[in-house]
Amino acid sequence: MKQVFNIIIFTGNIQVGNKGFVTYHKVNSIDKFKKFASEKYSDWKFLTVYDNTTKEKLYTLKRI
């Protein structure tokens, strides 16, 4: 069974979402999500990845 993730992204724009934070549920591919995020939120700063089942924080990815 594929691992499913929840992701919270800081868009870099406090006018978007909840003071710049947007949550996405049931993400299947981190790589595809990073591509989507770069297209939709070109100035995103970081995203935090959580396991969908356990809600455990897996890691934070900062954009360089």
C-alpha atoms as a PDB file:
ATOM      1  CA  MET A   1       0.000   0.000   0.000  1.00  0.00           C
ATOM      2  CA  LYS A   2       1.290   3.454  -0.931  1.00  0.00           C
ATOM      3  CA  GLN A   3       2.120   5.899   1.798  1.00  0.00           C
ATOM      4  CA  VAL A   4      -0.188   8.920   1.898  1.00  0.00           C
ATOM      5  CA  PHE A   5       0.835  12.312   3.266  1.00  0.00           C
ATOM      6  CA  ASN A   6      -0.678  15.512   4.570  1.00  0.00           C
ATOM      7  CA  ILE A   7       1.332  18.608   3.718  1.00  0.00           C
ATOM      8  CA  ILE A   8       1.288  22.108   5.174  1.00  0.00           C
ATOM      9  CA  ILE A   9       2.987  24.653   2.937  1.00  0.00           C
ATOM     10  CA  PHE A  10       3.969  28.229   3.722  1.00  0.00           C
ATOM     11  CA  THR A  11       3.246  30.086   0.493  1.00  0.00           C
ATOM     12  CA  GLY A  12       5.255  33.216   1.274  1.00  0.00           C
ATOM     13  CA  ASN A  13       2.102  35.318   0.812  1.00  0.00           C
ATOM     14  CA  ILE A  14       0.151  36.075   3.994  1.00  0.00           C
ATOM     15  CA  GLN A  15      -2.905  36.950   1.876  1.00  0.00           C
ATOM     16  CA  VAL A  16      -3.292  33.264   0.905  1.00  0.00           C
ATOM     17  CA  GLY A  17      -4.794  30.604   3.168  1.00  0.00           C
ATOM     18  CA  ASN A  18      -4.381  30.998   6.929  1.00  0.00           C
ATOM     19  CA  LYS A  19      -1.723  33.740   7.134  1.00  0.00           C
ATOM     20  CA  GLY A  20       0.187  32.125   4.291  1.00  0.00           C
ATOM     21  CA  PHE A  21      -0.239  28.499   5.380  1.00  0.00           C
ATOM     22  CA  VAL A  22      -2.229  26.081   3.207  1.00  0.00           C
ATOM     23  CA  THR A  23      -2.945  22.422   4.045  1.00  0.00           C
ATOM     24  CA  TYR A  24      -3.248  19.629   1.505  1.00  0.00           C
ATOM     25  CA  HIS A  25      -4.613  16.223   2.513  1.00  0.00           C
ATOM     26  CA  LYS A  26      -4.018  12.775   0.995  1.00  0.00           C
ATOM     27  CA  VAL A  27      -0.989  13.633  -1.131  1.00  0.00           C
ATOM     28  CA  ASN A  28       0.445  10.526  -2.831  1.00  0.00           C
ATOM     29  CA  SER A  29       3.660  11.892  -4.344  1.00  0.00           C
ATOM     30  CA  ILE A  30       5.943  14.431  -2.662  1.00  0.00           C
ATOM     31  CA  ASP A  31       7.858  15.076  -5.909  1.00  0.00           C
ATOM     32  CA  LYS A  32       4.682  15.826  -7.873  1.00  0.00           C
ATOM     33  CA  PHE A  33       3.455  18.026  -5.022  1.00  0.00           C
ATOM     34  CA  LYS A  34       6.713  20.041  -5.030  1.00  0.00           C
ATOM     35  CA  LYS A  35       6.262  20.642  -8.779  1.00  0.00           C
ATOM     36  CA  PHE A  36       2.620  21.681  -8.231  1.00  0.00           C
ATOM     37  CA  ALA A  37       3.633  23.984  -5.354  1.00  0.00           C
ATOM     38  CA  SER A  38       6.312  25.675  -7.463  1.00  0.00           C
ATOM     39  CA  GLU A  39       3.768  26.348 -10.205  1.00  0.00           C
ATOM     40  CA  LYS A  40       0.934  27.531  -7.930  1.00  0.00           C
ATOM     41  CA  TYR A  41       2.976  29.276  -5.199  1.00  0.00           C
ATOM     42  CA  SER A  42       6.174  30.437  -6.907  1.00  0.00           C
ATOM     43  CA  ASP A  43       7.478  32.035  -3.682  1.00  0.00           C
ATOM     44  CA  TRP A  44       6.809  29.146  -1.278  1.00  0.00           C
ATOM     45  CA  LYS A  45       9.316  29.030   1.589  1.00  0.00           C
ATOM     46  CA  PHE A  46       8.897  25.614   3.229  1.00  0.00           C
ATOM     47  CA  LEU A  47       6.578  22.657   3.544  1.00  0.00           C
ATOM     48  CA  THR A  48       6.054  20.174   6.352  1.00  0.00           C
ATOM     49  CA  VAL A  49       5.144  16.578   5.567  1.00  0.00           C
ATOM     50  CA  TYR A  50       3.013  14.439   7.912  1.00  0.00           C
ATOM     51  CA  ASP A  51       1.979  10.797   7.709  1.00  0.00           C
ATOM     52  CA  ASN A  52      -1.743  10.729   6.874  1.00  0.00           C
ATOM     53  CA  THR A  53      -2.486   7.733   9.120  1.00  0.00           C
ATOM     54  CA  THR A  54      -0.402   8.431  12.244  1.00  0.00           C
ATOM     55  CA  LYS A  55      -0.333  12.249  11.890  1.00  0.00           C
ATOM     56  CA  GLU A  56       3.372  12.024  12.773  1.00  0.00           C
ATOM     57  CA  LYS A  57       5.632  14.773  11.407  1.00  0.00           C
ATOM     58  CA  LEU A  58       8.066  13.187   8.961  1.00  0.00           C
ATOM     59  CA  TYR A  59      10.175  16.162   7.888  1.00  0.00           C
ATOM     60  CA  THR A  60      10.280  19.805   6.847  1.00  0.00           C
ATOM     61  CA  LEU A  61      11.594  20.786   3.426  1.00  0.00           C
ATOM     62  CA  LYS A  62      12.975  24.311   3.020  1.00  0.00           C
ATOM     63  CA  ARG A  63      13.202  25.843  -0.406  1.00  0.00           C
ATOM     64  CA  ILE A  64      16.642  27.170  -1.262  1.00  0.00           C
END
